[in-house]
């Protein structure tokens, strides 16, 4: 298929309305295989307006007289309006955008064509292999090993080629454990907490079924986890489903770990919303944030009714439970729900940010996302197919990764000096997860990325974000390394709506944003002043 077959009209005269804070832009609108471009006239600003078509979440068209209007609602929550001359041109451009923005083929998406001059293919893809985290673990304990039993993705298609498992468990036992877990997601190490000698693991649900089946190798694996921890360590299995949901899963072949089969492990149910209810919560919140005419009572009612902040609270509470059990009680933790690719990753990744100072650095946070979300098999292609504006009935979409970013933002707001990255980093990750010129968030698993040759044919997002010119927008100028755990308050009074995301296109910049830029200027000026001062030798008298 050629892109040209889907482009009914290549260009038209149009005016772009970008909201109350930006002036209208008039010029020639062009449609390409991946972008909308608007080129202003010769007398206007020389800036070229560009929109990645994959950013379009929904499109509405309206014609009146001899012109038409196209409203584009974008995955980054922008709402754009195009006033186009000519009814036929309006309809043709609308149909072109609808067709090009909904292409499902991965290898025809823009990352496979994006070739910036400042980057080279292959850069930064090697930054965060599983081996690098294993080296950190191996320096602290000999109880774990790096297994390549999944080298050909035959054990688990959603796991990476290499995973960290107990040293006492051989690959044959891993294979049998994989057959006993949904999707083959047998328990693997997420994080080793050296101060307490405990481990955080993730998996999917066991396939016990109505007959309460057992798997000796799976039981052996979890016994080996406790044996490799500190003497007398106990374990908690944090199930992110309700007790009732877990019982219902048993009737369809799933289930939970029984006390008799897994001595030393205690099961805790901490239900976290996922799937369609979470997507609907996101949609209702965005609708409420976009209504600028509502009363205060109406706004507060809609904010409570969407339950988004309740999801934030429940997620942070569960992550704190896991982190507290490791840090204060010396317990090992296994987290799973049903599939182990959504709420499970929320809990394991947030628990690491709470406990691990390295995860709060810029490089460590990037590694965490790569290891706990991308390589761990979060299905980005399915979950981020649509944002909050799509008219299509949700199938697999869910803002699980956005919920993670919101929880991290809450941590950064409560501990403003402890994260090396700022809000700009979180906003960039949200934007790129839904539509990006980079290949990092493409596909649903490492297996799919290998089949599509993503690592050799696209650029890594990390190579783009780590460019010096980007760092000022992403880093926290007030960052001070904090070696301690950070324990957030999850009381309702402590949680806030993330205005920088949900209201960023509907309100002018806040004074706090202006102040943030001023802080950066002060820090930059201070660094320049310190760099220009001559060094004083130790023998010289100092005032």
Foldseek 3Di string as FASTA:
>chain_A
DDLVVLQQDAKFWKWKDFADVDDIATAIWGDDLFWIWGQGDPVDDRDIDIDGLLQFFDWDKDDDDAWIKIWTQGQLRTIMIMITGGPVVRVSRRSSSVVSNQDQDPCSHQLLVDDDPVDDFLPPPPLFDVVVVVVVVVVQFPQKDKDQLCLVPPQAVFAFRIFIFGPVADSVLLSQQLVQAVRRFQWTFQDQQRVLQATEIEGAFGQLAPVRDDRLSSLVRLVSRQVRGPPPAAAEEEAQADPVVQVVVNNVRTHHDDCVSRPRYHYDYQHADWFPLQLQLQLLLLVLLPDPPDDPVVSVVSPVVSCLLVNLLSLLVLLLVQLCCCPPVSHYYYYYYHGRQFSVLLNSLSNCQQAPLQCQEPSNVVNSCCNSHANSFNFLSQQQSHHNDHPDRRDGHHVRVLSSLLNVQLLCVVVVARHFWHPLQSSVVSSVSNPNSFLRNPGGHPSVCVVSVRSRSGHHPCVVCPDPVNVLSIGRLNHDRDNGGRRDDSPPVSHDDPCCRSVVSPDDDDVVVVVSVVSSVVSVVVVVVVVPDDDDDPPDDDD
